[in-house]
Amino acid sequence: MLAEIYETIQKKLLEKFQDKVFNFTESYNTLHFEADKNMNLKVLSFLKEDPELNFSFLTDLCGVHQPQDKNQELWVVYHLRNLQNGSFIALTIKTPESDPKVFTASQLFSAANWMERETYDFFGIEFSGHPNLIRILNVPEMNYFPLRKQYPLEDQTRKDKDDSMFGR
């Protein structure tokens, strides 16, 4: 049943947005796809407002840092649910570290407000138009984004560690 629903969703999205939505896959009972960076609000609005699709619940919004994905290192992933038929979708928007800006979805889904603040706080993705985009969990003085994969996992200058104790 979900396969038929996901086929319908993909068909409607491709009819509406053509090549602006792409990389459709299905795993873990979720339809995954990507959209162009500047299309996030249009795609989210369509998914929410189309009466047949009816993705009215933003389950989660998170950031991902993939430094090996040149010119698309930062990702925003929106997880949406249709509460009537139980279908899930995951929309991914990619942006370069050099221009980490994506349009805010907080006017469309009120739950996006704090999720976008958390994503900004940890990944440095700026949500254009957000009503209060400030750090939510880290101190305001912090001048880096701790979940970007830009730092070694442990202090390389420490001399008091015996690697054999850690299986190395």
N, C-alpha and C. Protein backbone atom coordinates (compact mmCIF):
# COMPACT_ATOMS: atom_id res chain seq x y z
N MET A 1 0.82 -1.20 0.00
CA MET A 1 0.00 0.00 0.00
C MET A 1 0.87 1.27 0.00
N LEU A 2 1.92 1.30 0.85
CA LEU A 2 2.79 2.47 0.89
C LEU A 2 3.49 2.69 -0.44
N ALA A 3 3.84 1.61 -1.13
CA ALA A 3 4.52 1.75 -2.42
C ALA A 3 3.64 2.52 -3.41
N GLU A 4 2.34 2.25 -3.41
CA GLU A 4 1.42 2.96 -4.30
C GLU A 4 1.31 4.43 -3.90
N ILE A 5 1.26 4.68 -2.59
CA ILE A 5 1.18 6.06 -2.10
C ILE A 5 2.44 6.83 -2.51
N TYR A 6 3.61 6.20 -2.33
CA TYR A 6 4.87 6.87 -2.66
C TYR A 6 5.00 7.10 -4.17
N GLU A 7 4.47 6.18 -4.95
CA GLU A 7 4.48 6.37 -6.40
C GLU A 7 3.62 7.58 -6.79
N THR A 8 2.48 7.74 -6.16
CA THR A 8 1.60 8.88 -6.40
C THR A 8 2.27 10.19 -5.99
N ILE A 9 2.92 10.18 -4.82
CA ILE A 9 3.61 11.39 -4.33
C ILE A 9 4.71 11.79 -5.31
N GLN A 10 5.52 10.82 -5.73
CA GLN A 10 6.61 11.10 -6.66
C GLN A 10 6.07 11.65 -7.98
N LYS A 11 5.01 11.06 -8.48
CA LYS A 11 4.40 11.51 -9.74
C LYS A 11 3.92 12.95 -9.63
N LYS A 12 3.21 13.26 -8.53
CA LYS A 12 2.70 14.62 -8.35
C LYS A 12 3.83 15.64 -8.21
N LEU A 13 4.88 15.28 -7.47
CA LEU A 13 6.01 16.18 -7.31
C LEU A 13 6.73 16.43 -8.63
N LEU A 14 6.91 15.38 -9.42
CA LEU A 14 7.59 15.53 -10.71
C LEU A 14 6.73 16.35 -11.69
N GLU A 15 5.42 16.16 -11.65
CA GLU A 15 4.53 16.96 -12.50
C GLU A 15 4.61 18.44 -12.14
N LYS A 16 4.65 18.72 -10.86
CA LYS A 16 4.65 20.11 -10.39
C LYS A 16 6.02 20.79 -10.52
N PHE A 17 7.09 20.07 -10.17
CA PHE A 17 8.41 20.71 -10.07
C PHE A 17 9.44 20.20 -11.08
N GLN A 18 9.08 19.23 -11.91
CA GLN A 18 9.96 18.63 -12.92
C GLN A 18 11.34 18.27 -12.36
N ASP A 19 12.39 18.86 -12.93
CA ASP A 19 13.75 18.49 -12.54
C ASP A 19 14.24 19.19 -11.27
N LYS A 20 13.38 19.94 -10.61
CA LYS A 20 13.76 20.61 -9.35
C LYS A 20 13.67 19.65 -8.16
N VAL A 21 13.04 18.48 -8.36
CA VAL A 21 13.02 17.41 -7.36
C VAL A 21 13.63 16.17 -8.00
N PHE A 22 14.43 15.44 -7.24
CA PHE A 22 15.21 14.35 -7.85
C PHE A 22 15.70 13.38 -6.77
N ASN A 23 16.38 12.33 -7.22
CA ASN A 23 16.96 11.29 -6.35
C ASN A 23 15.92 10.65 -5.43
N PHE A 24 14.84 10.20 -6.01
CA PHE A 24 13.79 9.53 -5.23
C PHE A 24 14.24 8.11 -4.88
N THR A 25 14.17 7.78 -3.61
CA THR A 25 14.43 6.42 -3.14
C THR A 25 13.45 6.11 -2.01
N GLU A 26 13.29 4.83 -1.75
CA GLU A 26 12.43 4.44 -0.64
C GLU A 26 13.20 3.47 0.26
N SER A 27 13.24 3.78 1.55
CA SER A 27 13.83 2.87 2.51
C SER A 27 13.19 3.11 3.88
N TYR A 28 13.12 2.05 4.66
CA TYR A 28 12.54 2.11 6.00
C TYR A 28 11.14 2.72 5.98
N ASN A 29 10.34 2.34 4.99
CA ASN A 29 8.97 2.83 4.82
C ASN A 29 8.89 4.34 4.70
N THR A 30 9.94 4.95 4.16
CA THR A 30 9.99 6.39 3.97
C THR A 30 10.42 6.70 2.54
N LEU A 31 9.74 7.66 1.93
CA LEU A 31 10.15 8.14 0.61
C LEU A 31 11.15 9.26 0.81
N HIS A 32 12.36 9.10 0.28
CA HIS A 32 13.41 10.11 0.38
C HIS A 32 13.58 10.77 -0.98
N PHE A 33 13.79 12.08 -0.97
CA PHE A 33 14.10 12.78 -2.21
C PHE A 33 14.78 14.09 -1.90
N GLU A 34 15.34 14.71 -2.94
CA GLU A 34 16.02 15.98 -2.80
C GLU A 34 15.32 17.03 -3.64
N ALA A 35 15.56 18.28 -3.29
CA ALA A 35 15.05 19.40 -4.08
C ALA A 35 16.12 20.48 -4.13
N ASP A 36 16.04 21.32 -5.15
CA ASP A 36 16.96 22.45 -5.25
C ASP A 36 16.86 23.32 -4.01
N LYS A 37 17.96 23.90 -3.65
CA LYS A 37 18.07 24.72 -2.43
C LYS A 37 16.99 25.81 -2.34
N ASN A 38 16.73 26.49 -3.42
CA ASN A 38 15.77 27.60 -3.39
C ASN A 38 14.32 27.15 -3.53
N MET A 39 14.10 25.84 -3.60
CA MET A 39 12.74 25.33 -3.77
C MET A 39 12.15 24.76 -2.48
N ASN A 40 12.89 24.84 -1.37
CA ASN A 40 12.41 24.14 -0.17
C ASN A 40 11.02 24.60 0.26
N LEU A 41 10.77 25.90 0.28
CA LEU A 41 9.44 26.37 0.73
C LEU A 41 8.34 26.00 -0.25
N LYS A 42 8.62 26.08 -1.53
CA LYS A 42 7.61 25.73 -2.53
C LYS A 42 7.24 24.26 -2.43
N VAL A 43 8.25 23.41 -2.28
CA VAL A 43 7.99 21.97 -2.18
C VAL A 43 7.26 21.66 -0.87
N LEU A 44 7.73 22.23 0.24
CA LEU A 44 7.07 22.00 1.53
C LEU A 44 5.63 22.49 1.52
N SER A 45 5.39 23.66 0.94
CA SER A 45 4.02 24.19 0.85
C SER A 45 3.12 23.26 0.05
N PHE A 46 3.64 22.79 -1.08
CA PHE A 46 2.86 21.89 -1.92
C PHE A 46 2.54 20.60 -1.17
N LEU A 47 3.54 20.04 -0.48
CA LEU A 47 3.32 18.80 0.27
C LEU A 47 2.28 18.99 1.38
N LYS A 48 2.27 20.15 1.99
CA LYS A 48 1.34 20.40 3.09
C LYS A 48 -0.06 20.75 2.59
N GLU A 49 -0.15 21.57 1.56
CA GLU A 49 -1.44 22.13 1.15
C GLU A 49 -2.20 21.30 0.12
N ASP A 50 -1.52 20.43 -0.60
CA ASP A 50 -2.23 19.59 -1.56
C ASP A 50 -3.12 18.63 -0.77
N PRO A 51 -4.45 18.63 -1.04
CA PRO A 51 -5.36 17.82 -0.22
C PRO A 51 -5.09 16.32 -0.32
N GLU A 52 -4.57 15.86 -1.44
CA GLU A 52 -4.29 14.43 -1.58
C GLU A 52 -3.00 14.04 -0.84
N LEU A 53 -2.00 14.93 -0.84
CA LEU A 53 -0.73 14.64 -0.18
C LEU A 53 -0.85 14.86 1.33
N ASN A 54 -1.25 16.04 1.74
CA ASN A 54 -1.60 16.35 3.13
C ASN A 54 -0.51 16.02 4.15
N PHE A 55 0.73 16.44 3.88
CA PHE A 55 1.81 16.25 4.85
C PHE A 55 1.79 17.43 5.82
N SER A 56 0.92 17.33 6.81
CA SER A 56 0.66 18.45 7.71
C SER A 56 1.52 18.44 8.97
N PHE A 57 2.30 17.38 9.17
CA PHE A 57 3.05 17.25 10.42
C PHE A 57 4.55 17.19 10.13
N LEU A 58 5.28 18.21 10.59
CA LEU A 58 6.74 18.22 10.50
C LEU A 58 7.26 17.45 11.71
N THR A 59 7.70 16.23 11.48
CA THR A 59 8.18 15.37 12.55
C THR A 59 9.53 15.83 13.07
N ASP A 60 10.41 16.19 12.13
CA ASP A 60 11.77 16.57 12.50
C ASP A 60 12.40 17.38 11.39
N LEU A 61 13.37 18.15 11.78
CA LEU A 61 14.20 18.91 10.84
C LEU A 61 15.60 18.84 11.42
N CYS A 62 16.56 18.42 10.63
CA CYS A 62 17.91 18.29 11.18
C CYS A 62 18.95 18.70 10.14
N GLY A 63 20.14 18.94 10.63
CA GLY A 63 21.27 19.26 9.78
C GLY A 63 22.21 18.07 9.64
N VAL A 64 22.96 18.06 8.55
CA VAL A 64 23.96 17.04 8.31
C VAL A 64 25.16 17.75 7.70
N HIS A 65 26.36 17.35 8.09
CA HIS A 65 27.57 17.90 7.49
C HIS A 65 28.30 16.76 6.77
N GLN A 66 28.43 16.90 5.47
CA GLN A 66 29.13 15.92 4.63
C GLN A 66 30.26 16.64 3.90
N PRO A 67 31.43 16.81 4.55
CA PRO A 67 32.51 17.59 3.95
C PRO A 67 33.02 17.04 2.63
N GLN A 68 32.84 15.74 2.38
CA GLN A 68 33.31 15.16 1.12
C GLN A 68 32.39 15.51 -0.06
N ASP A 69 31.21 16.03 0.19
CA ASP A 69 30.23 16.37 -0.85
C ASP A 69 30.48 17.83 -1.27
N LYS A 70 31.47 18.04 -2.12
CA LYS A 70 31.93 19.38 -2.48
C LYS A 70 30.81 20.26 -3.03
N ASN A 71 30.75 21.48 -2.53
CA ASN A 71 29.76 22.51 -2.88
C ASN A 71 28.34 22.16 -2.46
N GLN A 72 28.21 21.11 -1.65
CA GLN A 72 26.93 20.73 -1.06
C GLN A 72 27.18 20.10 0.30
N GLU A 73 28.06 20.68 1.07
CA GLU A 73 28.53 20.07 2.31
C GLU A 73 27.47 20.05 3.42
N LEU A 74 26.59 21.04 3.44
CA LEU A 74 25.59 21.13 4.51
C LEU A 74 24.22 20.75 3.97
N TRP A 75 23.55 19.88 4.71
CA TRP A 75 22.23 19.41 4.32
C TRP A 75 21.21 19.77 5.39
N VAL A 76 20.00 20.09 4.95
CA VAL A 76 18.85 20.21 5.85
C VAL A 76 17.89 19.11 5.42
N VAL A 77 17.48 18.28 6.38
CA VAL A 77 16.58 17.17 6.09
C VAL A 77 15.28 17.42 6.85
N TYR A 78 14.17 17.48 6.10
CA TYR A 78 12.84 17.67 6.67
C TYR A 78 12.14 16.31 6.67
N HIS A 79 11.63 15.89 7.82
CA HIS A 79 10.87 14.64 7.93
C HIS A 79 9.41 15.03 8.13
N LEU A 80 8.56 14.61 7.20
CA LEU A 80 7.14 14.96 7.23
C LEU A 80 6.29 13.69 7.29
N ARG A 81 5.11 13.85 7.86
CA ARG A 81 4.20 12.71 7.98
C ARG A 81 2.79 13.12 7.59
N ASN A 82 2.14 12.24 6.88
CA ASN A 82 0.72 12.36 6.59
C ASN A 82 0.00 11.56 7.68
N LEU A 83 -0.76 12.24 8.52
CA LEU A 83 -1.40 11.58 9.65
C LEU A 83 -2.60 10.73 9.25
N GLN A 84 -3.15 10.94 8.05
CA GLN A 84 -4.30 10.15 7.62
C GLN A 84 -3.89 8.77 7.12
N ASN A 85 -2.87 8.71 6.26
CA ASN A 85 -2.50 7.41 5.70
C ASN A 85 -1.20 6.85 6.29
N GLY A 86 -0.54 7.60 7.17
CA GLY A 86 0.65 7.11 7.85
C GLY A 86 1.93 7.12 7.04
N SER A 87 1.92 7.81 5.91
CA SER A 87 3.12 7.83 5.07
C SER A 87 4.13 8.86 5.59
N PHE A 88 5.41 8.55 5.36
CA PHE A 88 6.52 9.41 5.77
C PHE A 88 7.31 9.83 4.54
N ILE A 89 7.83 11.06 4.56
CA ILE A 89 8.77 11.47 3.53
C ILE A 89 9.92 12.22 4.18
N ALA A 90 11.05 12.19 3.53
CA ALA A 90 12.23 12.92 3.97
C ALA A 90 12.74 13.73 2.79
N LEU A 91 12.67 15.04 2.92
CA LEU A 91 13.13 15.97 1.88
C LEU A 91 14.49 16.51 2.29
N THR A 92 15.48 16.40 1.40
CA THR A 92 16.82 16.90 1.68
C THR A 92 17.12 18.09 0.79
N ILE A 93 17.63 19.15 1.41
CA ILE A 93 18.09 20.35 0.72
C ILE A 93 19.58 20.47 1.02
N LYS A 94 20.39 20.67 -0.02
CA LYS A 94 21.85 20.77 0.17
C LYS A 94 22.33 22.18 -0.16
N THR A 95 23.31 22.64 0.61
CA THR A 95 23.85 23.98 0.42
C THR A 95 25.36 23.95 0.69
N PRO A 96 26.12 24.81 0.03
CA PRO A 96 27.57 24.82 0.28
C PRO A 96 27.92 25.51 1.59
N GLU A 97 29.05 25.13 2.17
CA GLU A 97 29.53 25.79 3.40
C GLU A 97 29.78 27.28 3.15
N SER A 98 30.14 27.63 1.92
CA SER A 98 30.43 29.03 1.60
C SER A 98 29.18 29.90 1.58
N ASP A 99 28.01 29.31 1.45
CA ASP A 99 26.74 30.04 1.44
C ASP A 99 25.68 29.20 2.17
N PRO A 100 25.79 29.08 3.50
CA PRO A 100 24.92 28.17 4.25
C PRO A 100 23.55 28.76 4.55
N LYS A 101 22.82 29.14 3.51
CA LYS A 101 21.51 29.79 3.71
C LYS A 101 20.41 28.96 3.06
N VAL A 102 19.31 28.81 3.80
CA VAL A 102 18.12 28.12 3.33
C VAL A 102 16.93 28.93 3.84
N PHE A 103 15.85 28.97 3.09
CA PHE A 103 14.66 29.70 3.55
C PHE A 103 14.03 29.01 4.76
N THR A 104 13.55 29.81 5.70
CA THR A 104 12.92 29.26 6.90
C THR A 104 11.56 28.65 6.57
N ALA A 105 11.24 27.58 7.28
CA ALA A 105 9.93 26.94 7.16
C ALA A 105 9.08 27.24 8.38
N SER A 106 9.53 28.16 9.21
CA SER A 106 8.83 28.41 10.48
C SER A 106 7.45 29.05 10.30
N GLN A 107 7.20 29.73 9.18
CA GLN A 107 5.86 30.27 8.94
C GLN A 107 4.91 29.17 8.46
N LEU A 108 5.48 28.13 7.87
CA LEU A 108 4.68 27.02 7.36
C LEU A 108 4.38 25.99 8.45
N PHE A 109 5.41 25.68 9.23
CA PHE A 109 5.29 24.73 10.34
C PHE A 109 5.85 25.42 11.58
N SER A 110 5.03 25.67 12.56
CA SER A 110 5.53 26.37 13.76
C SER A 110 6.59 25.55 14.49
N ALA A 111 6.53 24.23 14.36
CA ALA A 111 7.54 23.38 15.00
C ALA A 111 8.93 23.60 14.43
N ALA A 112 9.03 24.14 13.24
CA ALA A 112 10.33 24.38 12.61
C ALA A 112 11.12 25.45 13.34
N ASN A 113 10.47 26.32 14.08
CA ASN A 113 11.14 27.44 14.73
C ASN A 113 12.33 26.98 15.57
N TRP A 114 12.10 26.15 16.55
CA TRP A 114 13.19 25.72 17.44
C TRP A 114 14.12 24.73 16.75
N MET A 115 13.57 23.90 15.86
CA MET A 115 14.42 22.95 15.14
C MET A 115 15.43 23.69 14.26
N GLU A 116 15.00 24.77 13.63
CA GLU A 116 15.92 25.57 12.81
C GLU A 116 16.96 26.26 13.68
N ARG A 117 16.55 26.72 14.84
CA ARG A 117 17.52 27.34 15.76
C ARG A 117 18.57 26.33 16.19
N GLU A 118 18.16 25.12 16.50
CA GLU A 118 19.10 24.08 16.89
C GLU A 118 20.04 23.73 15.74
N THR A 119 19.51 23.63 14.53
CA THR A 119 20.32 23.32 13.36
C THR A 119 21.32 24.44 13.10
N TYR A 120 20.90 25.68 13.26
CA TYR A 120 21.82 26.81 13.14
C TYR A 120 22.90 26.73 14.21
N ASP A 121 22.50 26.46 15.43
CA ASP A 121 23.41 26.43 16.57
C ASP A 121 24.53 25.41 16.38
N PHE A 122 24.20 24.24 15.85
CA PHE A 122 25.18 23.17 15.76
C PHE A 122 25.86 23.05 14.39
N PHE A 123 25.20 23.50 13.31
CA PHE A 123 25.77 23.35 11.98
C PHE A 123 26.05 24.67 11.28
N GLY A 124 25.51 25.77 11.77
CA GLY A 124 25.75 27.06 11.15
C GLY A 124 24.92 27.31 9.90
N ILE A 125 23.86 26.55 9.70
CA ILE A 125 22.97 26.78 8.56
C ILE A 125 22.04 27.92 8.92
N GLU A 126 22.05 28.97 8.12
CA GLU A 126 21.23 30.15 8.38
C GLU A 126 19.89 30.01 7.67
N PHE A 127 18.82 30.24 8.40
CA PHE A 127 17.48 30.12 7.84
C PHE A 127 16.95 31.53 7.58
N SER A 128 17.02 31.94 6.32
CA SER A 128 16.60 33.28 5.92
C SER A 128 15.14 33.51 6.24
N GLY A 129 14.85 34.61 6.94
CA GLY A 129 13.48 34.95 7.30
C GLY A 129 13.05 34.41 8.65
N HIS A 130 13.91 33.71 9.33
CA HIS A 130 13.56 33.16 10.65
C HIS A 130 13.33 34.32 11.62
N PRO A 131 12.30 34.27 12.46
CA PRO A 131 11.98 35.39 13.35
C PRO A 131 12.98 35.62 14.49
N ASN A 132 13.77 34.59 14.88
CA ASN A 132 14.67 34.77 16.02
C ASN A 132 15.82 33.76 15.94
N LEU A 133 16.63 33.84 14.90
CA LEU A 133 17.68 32.86 14.67
C LEU A 133 18.90 33.17 15.53
N ILE A 134 18.83 32.68 16.77
CA ILE A 134 19.95 32.82 17.70
C ILE A 134 20.24 31.43 18.27
N ARG A 135 21.41 31.31 18.89
CA ARG A 135 21.78 30.03 19.50
C ARG A 135 20.74 29.65 20.55
N ILE A 136 20.49 28.35 20.62
CA ILE A 136 19.46 27.86 21.54
C ILE A 136 20.04 26.98 22.65
N LEU A 137 21.15 26.28 22.38
CA LEU A 137 21.74 25.39 23.38
C LEU A 137 23.18 25.76 23.74
N ASN A 138 23.91 26.31 22.82
CA ASN A 138 25.30 26.70 23.08
C ASN A 138 25.36 28.16 23.51
N VAL A 139 26.48 28.54 24.10
CA VAL A 139 26.63 29.92 24.56
C VAL A 139 26.75 30.87 23.36
N PRO A 140 26.22 32.07 23.47
CA PRO A 140 26.26 33.01 22.34
C PRO A 140 27.67 33.36 21.89
N GLU A 141 28.65 33.28 22.79
CA GLU A 141 30.03 33.65 22.45
C GLU A 141 30.72 32.60 21.58
N MET A 142 30.15 31.44 21.46
CA MET A 142 30.78 30.37 20.69
C MET A 142 30.93 30.82 19.23
N ASN A 143 32.13 30.72 18.68
CA ASN A 143 32.38 31.22 17.34
C ASN A 143 32.60 30.09 16.33
N TYR A 144 32.11 28.91 16.63
CA TYR A 144 32.19 27.77 15.71
C TYR A 144 30.93 26.94 15.85
N PHE A 145 30.79 25.95 15.00
CA PHE A 145 29.60 25.11 14.99
C PHE A 145 30.03 23.68 15.29
N PRO A 146 29.74 23.18 16.48
CA PRO A 146 30.36 21.96 16.99
C PRO A 146 30.05 20.67 16.24
N LEU A 147 28.97 20.59 15.47
CA LEU A 147 28.67 19.34 14.78
C LEU A 147 29.18 19.31 13.34
N ARG A 148 29.89 20.32 12.94
CA ARG A 148 30.58 20.24 11.65
C ARG A 148 31.81 19.36 11.83
N LYS A 149 32.10 18.57 10.85
CA LYS A 149 33.22 17.64 10.93
C LYS A 149 34.52 18.35 10.54
N GLN A 150 34.90 19.34 11.33
CA GLN A 150 36.07 20.14 11.03
C GLN A 150 37.17 20.01 12.07
N TYR A 151 36.92 19.21 13.09
CA TYR A 151 37.87 19.12 14.19
C TYR A 151 38.14 17.65 14.49
N PRO A 152 39.35 17.31 14.94
CA PRO A 152 39.61 15.92 15.34
C PRO A 152 38.74 15.55 16.53
N LEU A 153 38.45 14.27 16.64
CA LEU A 153 37.57 13.82 17.70
C LEU A 153 38.21 13.87 19.08
N GLU A 154 39.52 13.91 19.13
CA GLU A 154 40.20 14.00 20.42
C GLU A 154 41.37 14.96 20.31
N ASP A 155 41.84 15.39 21.43
CA ASP A 155 42.94 16.36 21.49
C ASP A 155 44.24 15.70 21.05
N GLN A 156 44.77 16.12 19.90
CA GLN A 156 45.97 15.52 19.33
C GLN A 156 47.24 15.91 20.07
N THR A 157 47.17 16.91 20.96
CA THR A 157 48.37 17.38 21.66
C THR A 157 48.60 16.70 23.00
N ARG A 158 47.66 15.89 23.45
CA ARG A 158 47.80 15.24 24.76
C ARG A 158 48.93 14.22 24.75
N LYS A 159 49.73 14.23 25.80
CA LYS A 159 50.85 13.30 25.94
C LYS A 159 50.57 12.23 27.00
N ASP A 160 49.48 12.40 27.76
CA ASP A 160 49.21 11.51 28.89
C ASP A 160 48.37 10.30 28.53
N LYS A 161 48.14 10.08 27.25
CA LYS A 161 47.31 8.96 26.84
C LYS A 161 48.20 7.82 26.33
N ASP A 162 47.91 6.63 26.76
CA ASP A 162 48.60 5.45 26.29
C ASP A 162 47.68 4.78 25.27
N ASP A 163 48.03 4.85 24.00
CA ASP A 163 47.16 4.31 22.95
C ASP A 163 46.82 2.83 23.13
N SER A 164 47.70 2.07 23.75
CA SER A 164 47.43 0.65 23.93
C SER A 164 46.21 0.42 24.83
N MET A 165 45.92 1.39 25.70
CA MET A 165 44.74 1.25 26.56
C MET A 165 43.44 1.44 25.79
N PHE A 166 43.53 2.02 24.60
CA PHE A 166 42.34 2.28 23.79
C PHE A 166 42.26 1.36 22.58
N GLY A 167 43.04 0.28 22.60
CA GLY A 167 42.97 -0.68 21.50
C GLY A 167 43.67 -0.22 20.24
N ARG A 168 44.63 0.73 20.38
CA ARG A 168 45.36 1.20 19.20
C ARG A 168 46.82 0.81 19.26
